[in-house]
């Protein structure tokens, strides 16, 4: 296994489990404990996890997986969410898209549809995919580049978004609860996500079930700012009920 693939699997496993010990990771990866220890120390030095005696840990708030490590995870669910979200977009609409794997999947669905849609995005990966589609009008919001999410964020992005009117905005989140609303890992990203929502006539959150019931570092908005949530069939029923009671229409894909 290549080192890049090995570290990606370590990050994914610890993000999902919260912690792991060296021997558990060695068995998972099929490598020696010494190799795992070196990988964990390197990831600790990069600030991507917390090395402990015998393993590594993370808090739900602290670890953000780079976008390249999230690709392919729960892909079927994200495709279904994207197809359901596409039905919320009228012909000829102006659509806002933040970064993320699920919003990127929606961008692909919208590109297949074409038909005069305008897409406003701050995600450079989405922009790169869409710029070759002449039937899509593409507007790219500028700002400070975040290498983990491929997004352009910050005051410049927020000011630019304030000049536009969006028919519908789709944002990805890292956490969503009835009590804490929508959250993400970075405070500047949170402000730019909020700018998308406030520039739009309709605000939609795209979140697979692993994000429901989770809270991360930076608050984007309370659920009073959200019209719809599109998630998958595995979303916790109690969490879904609490979210719906906040006035959000929940759509399962």
Protein backbone atom coordinates (compact mmCIF):
# COMPACT_ATOMS: atom_id res chain seq x y z
CA UNK A 1 0.00 0.00 0.00
CA UNK A 2 1.32 3.44 -0.93
CA UNK A 3 2.04 5.82 1.94
CA UNK A 4 -0.58 8.33 0.74
CA UNK A 5 -3.25 5.61 0.69
CA UNK A 6 -2.13 4.37 4.10
CA UNK A 7 -2.35 7.78 5.76
CA UNK A 8 -5.72 8.44 4.13
CA UNK A 9 -7.07 5.21 5.62
CA UNK A 10 -5.63 6.09 9.03
CA UNK A 11 -7.30 9.52 8.97
CA UNK A 12 -10.62 8.07 7.80
CA UNK A 13 -10.60 5.33 10.44
CA UNK A 14 -9.77 7.68 13.31
CA UNK A 15 -12.27 10.31 12.12
CA UNK A 16 -15.03 7.69 12.21
CA UNK A 17 -13.96 5.77 15.35
CA UNK A 18 -12.60 8.68 17.39
CA UNK A 19 -9.43 6.76 18.32
CA UNK A 20 -7.31 3.78 17.37
CA UNK A 21 -4.29 1.96 18.75
CA UNK A 22 -1.16 1.03 16.84
CA UNK A 23 -1.83 -2.70 16.65
CA UNK A 24 -5.43 -2.16 15.48
CA UNK A 25 -4.18 0.07 12.65
CA UNK A 26 -1.39 -2.35 11.78
CA UNK A 27 -3.93 -5.16 11.34
CA UNK A 28 -6.23 -2.88 9.34
CA UNK A 29 -3.47 -1.79 6.96
CA UNK A 30 -1.45 -4.99 6.82
CA UNK A 31 1.80 -3.26 7.83
CA UNK A 32 4.13 -3.39 10.82
CA UNK A 33 3.46 -1.50 14.06
CA UNK A 34 6.69 0.44 13.47
CA UNK A 35 5.33 1.73 10.14
CA UNK A 36 2.09 2.79 11.81
CA UNK A 37 4.00 4.61 14.57
CA UNK A 38 5.98 6.58 11.98
CA UNK A 39 2.81 7.48 10.09
CA UNK A 40 1.03 8.57 13.27
CA UNK A 41 3.95 10.74 14.35
CA UNK A 42 4.06 12.42 10.94
CA UNK A 43 0.31 13.09 10.98
CA UNK A 44 0.61 14.42 14.54
CA UNK A 45 3.40 16.78 13.46
CA UNK A 46 1.13 18.01 10.64
CA UNK A 47 -1.64 18.72 13.18
CA UNK A 48 -4.03 16.25 11.57
CA UNK A 49 -4.49 14.00 14.61
CA UNK A 50 -3.36 13.74 18.24
CA UNK A 51 -0.69 11.14 18.97
CA UNK A 52 -1.13 9.25 22.23
CA UNK A 53 0.85 6.54 23.93
CA UNK A 54 -0.04 3.44 21.97
CA UNK A 55 -2.15 5.10 19.28
CA UNK A 56 -3.93 8.31 18.28
CA UNK A 57 -7.18 10.13 19.01
CA UNK A 58 -9.29 12.94 17.67
CA UNK A 59 -12.27 14.92 18.90
CA UNK A 60 -15.29 15.32 16.61
CA UNK A 61 -14.54 19.04 16.50
CA UNK A 62 -10.84 18.83 15.69
CA UNK A 63 -10.23 16.59 12.70
CA UNK A 64 -11.16 17.70 9.21
CA UNK A 65 -10.38 15.26 6.44
CA UNK A 66 -9.08 16.86 3.24
CA UNK A 67 -11.55 16.63 0.38
CA UNK A 68 -9.32 14.25 -1.57
CA UNK A 69 -9.58 11.75 1.32
CA UNK A 70 -13.38 11.93 1.38
CA UNK A 71 -13.93 11.10 -2.28
CA UNK A 72 -15.58 7.75 -2.79
CA UNK A 73 -16.92 7.50 0.77
CA UNK A 74 -20.70 6.89 0.83
CA UNK A 75 -20.75 7.66 -2.87
CA UNK A 76 -24.07 5.93 -3.56
CA UNK A 77 -25.80 7.92 -0.81
CA UNK A 78 -24.32 11.19 -2.06
CA UNK A 79 -25.46 10.46 -5.59
CA UNK A 80 -29.02 9.85 -4.37
CA UNK A 81 -28.93 13.06 -2.33
CA UNK A 82 -27.72 14.97 -5.39
CA UNK A 83 -30.50 13.56 -7.58
CA UNK A 84 -33.11 14.51 -4.97
CA UNK A 85 -31.60 18.00 -4.65
CA UNK A 86 -31.70 18.46 -8.43
CA UNK A 87 -35.50 18.26 -8.25
CA UNK A 88 -35.48 21.44 -6.15
CA UNK A 89 -33.85 23.43 -8.96
CA UNK A 90 -36.22 25.03 -11.50
CA UNK A 91 -35.18 25.46 -15.13
CA UNK A 92 -33.05 28.54 -15.67
CA UNK A 93 -32.33 29.00 -11.96
CA UNK A 94 -29.35 30.73 -10.41
CA UNK A 95 -27.85 28.11 -8.08
CA UNK A 96 -25.28 28.62 -5.31
CA UNK A 97 -22.96 25.73 -4.45
CA UNK A 98 -20.40 25.66 -1.67
CA UNK A 99 -17.63 23.06 -1.60
CA UNK A 100 -17.86 19.48 -0.41
CA UNK A 101 -18.24 15.99 -1.82
CA UNK A 102 -22.05 16.03 -1.85
CA UNK A 103 -22.32 19.49 -3.44
CA UNK A 104 -19.70 18.37 -5.98
CA UNK A 105 -21.95 15.44 -6.84
CA UNK A 106 -24.88 17.83 -7.28
CA UNK A 107 -22.72 19.95 -9.62
CA UNK A 108 -22.23 16.88 -11.81
CA UNK A 109 -25.97 16.19 -11.85
CA UNK A 110 -26.72 19.81 -12.79
CA UNK A 111 -24.06 19.68 -15.53
CA UNK A 112 -25.76 16.63 -17.03
CA UNK A 113 -28.99 18.60 -17.05
CA UNK A 114 -27.56 21.87 -18.41
CA UNK A 115 -30.44 23.92 -19.85
CA UNK A 116 -29.39 27.46 -19.06
CA UNK A 117 -28.65 27.08 -15.35
CA UNK A 118 -26.29 29.61 -13.73
CA UNK A 119 -24.04 28.20 -11.02
CA UNK A 120 -22.31 30.46 -8.49
CA UNK A 121 -19.62 28.61 -6.53
CA UNK A 122 -16.59 29.20 -4.35
CA UNK A 123 -15.27 25.65 -4.89
CA UNK A 124 -12.37 25.49 -7.34
CA UNK A 125 -12.87 21.78 -8.03
CA UNK A 126 -16.51 22.39 -8.99
CA UNK A 127 -15.46 25.35 -11.15
CA UNK A 128 -12.84 23.22 -12.92
CA UNK A 129 -15.44 20.55 -13.70
CA UNK A 130 -18.01 23.05 -15.00
CA UNK A 131 -15.85 25.45 -16.99
CA UNK A 132 -15.83 23.05 -19.94
CA UNK A 133 -19.65 22.99 -20.04
CA UNK A 134 -20.78 25.77 -22.41
CA UNK A 135 -24.46 25.23 -21.49
CA UNK A 136 -23.73 26.19 -17.85
CA UNK A 137 -23.17 29.84 -16.96
CA UNK A 138 -20.45 29.74 -14.31
CA UNK A 139 -19.65 32.44 -11.73
CA UNK A 140 -16.66 31.80 -9.43
CA UNK A 141 -16.50 33.60 -6.10
CA UNK A 142 -12.98 34.67 -5.12
CA UNK A 143 -11.30 34.66 -1.73
CA UNK A 144 -8.69 32.93 0.43
CA UNK A 145 -8.01 29.35 -0.67
CA UNK A 146 -8.63 26.50 1.81
CA UNK A 147 -6.51 23.53 0.79
CA UNK A 148 -8.61 21.00 2.73
CA UNK A 149 -11.93 21.86 1.08
CA UNK A 150 -10.79 23.49 -2.21
CA UNK A 151 -12.94 26.51 -1.33
CA UNK A 152 -12.33 30.25 -1.63
CA UNK A 153 -13.56 31.93 1.54
CA UNK A 154 -13.30 35.09 3.59
CA UNK A 155 -14.39 38.74 3.41
CA UNK A 156 -13.82 39.08 -0.35
CA UNK A 157 -16.05 36.07 -1.04
CA UNK A 158 -18.70 37.36 1.36
CA UNK A 159 -18.76 40.82 -0.26
CA UNK A 160 -19.04 39.33 -3.73
CA UNK A 161 -21.94 37.09 -2.72
CA UNK A 162 -23.77 40.09 -1.27
CA UNK A 163 -23.97 41.53 -4.80
CA UNK A 164 -25.88 38.52 -6.16
CA UNK A 165 -29.37 37.10 -5.87
CA UNK A 166 -29.53 33.29 -5.90
CA UNK A 167 -32.72 31.35 -6.47
CA UNK A 168 -31.50 28.43 -4.39
CA UNK A 169 -28.28 27.81 -2.46
CA UNK A 170 -26.96 24.38 -1.50
CA UNK A 171 -24.38 24.14 1.26
CA UNK A 172 -22.47 21.21 2.63
CA UNK A 173 -21.92 20.96 6.40
CA UNK A 174 -19.75 18.92 8.75
CA UNK A 175 -22.37 18.81 11.50
CA UNK A 176 -26.10 19.39 11.91
CA UNK A 177 -28.28 19.27 15.03
CA UNK A 178 -31.54 20.90 16.06
CA UNK A 179 -29.82 22.61 19.00
CA UNK A 180 -26.59 23.87 17.37
CA UNK A 181 -27.80 24.23 13.78
CA UNK A 182 -25.28 23.90 10.94
CA UNK A 183 -21.57 23.70 11.78
CA UNK A 184 -18.28 23.27 9.98
CA UNK A 185 -14.58 23.08 10.84
CA UNK A 186 -13.39 26.56 9.82
CA UNK A 187 -14.76 29.92 10.95
CA UNK A 188 -14.10 31.74 7.66
CA UNK A 189 -15.74 28.93 5.72
CA UNK A 190 -18.72 29.18 8.07
CA UNK A 191 -19.13 32.90 7.31
CA UNK A 192 -18.96 32.32 3.55
CA UNK A 193 -21.49 29.49 3.79
CA UNK A 194 -23.80 31.88 5.64
CA UNK A 195 -23.28 34.49 2.91
CA UNK A 196 -24.50 31.94 0.35
CA UNK A 197 -27.63 31.28 2.40
CA UNK A 198 -28.42 34.94 2.96
CA UNK A 199 -28.07 35.75 -0.74
CA UNK A 200 -30.60 33.08 -1.69
CA UNK A 201 -34.37 32.89 -1.84
CA UNK A 202 -34.22 29.22 -0.79
CA UNK A 203 -31.61 27.62 1.48
CA UNK A 204 -30.89 23.90 1.30
CA UNK A 205 -28.43 21.81 3.31
CA UNK A 206 -27.02 18.64 1.77
CA UNK A 207 -25.77 16.22 4.43
CA UNK A 208 -25.43 12.47 4.49
CA UNK A 209 -26.51 10.71 7.68
CA UNK A 210 -23.00 10.71 9.20
CA UNK A 211 -23.28 14.51 9.64
CA UNK A 212 -26.66 14.43 11.40
CA UNK A 213 -26.37 14.70 15.19
CA UNK A 214 -22.77 15.90 14.97
CA UNK A 215 -21.38 19.29 16.06
CA UNK A 216 -18.11 20.75 14.78
CA UNK A 217 -16.11 23.87 15.61
CA UNK A 218 -17.62 26.81 13.74
CA UNK A 219 -21.32 27.67 13.63
CA UNK A 220 -22.72 28.49 10.20
CA UNK A 221 -26.29 29.28 11.20
CA UNK A 222 -29.28 28.18 13.29
CA UNK A 223 -31.88 26.05 11.54
CA UNK A 224 -34.14 29.10 11.24
CA UNK A 225 -31.92 30.06 8.26
CA UNK A 226 -32.56 26.72 6.48
CA UNK A 227 -35.57 25.76 4.36
CA UNK A 228 -34.72 22.17 3.41
CA UNK A 229 -32.40 19.33 4.41
CA UNK A 230 -31.66 16.56 1.92
CA UNK A 231 -30.15 13.48 3.56
CA UNK A 232 -30.13 9.71 3.12
CA UNK A 233 -32.28 6.89 4.48
CA UNK A 234 -29.91 6.11 7.35
CA UNK A 235 -30.45 9.44 9.13
CA UNK A 236 -31.39 8.98 12.80
CA UNK A 237 -35.18 9.23 13.15
CA UNK A 238 -35.08 11.16 16.45
CA UNK A 239 -32.59 13.67 15.08
CA UNK A 240 -34.66 14.03 11.92
CA UNK A 241 -37.83 14.68 13.95
CA UNK A 242 -36.09 17.35 16.05
CA UNK A 243 -34.78 19.05 12.91
CA UNK A 244 -38.22 18.98 11.30
CA UNK A 245 -39.72 20.53 14.44
CA UNK A 246 -37.41 23.52 13.85
CA UNK A 247 -39.32 24.21 10.62
CA UNK A 248 -36.93 22.49 8.21
CA UNK A 249 -38.43 20.23 5.55
CA UNK A 250 -36.46 16.97 5.60
CA UNK A 251 -36.15 15.03 2.34
CA UNK A 252 -34.74 11.50 2.42
CA UNK A 253 -33.04 10.28 -0.73
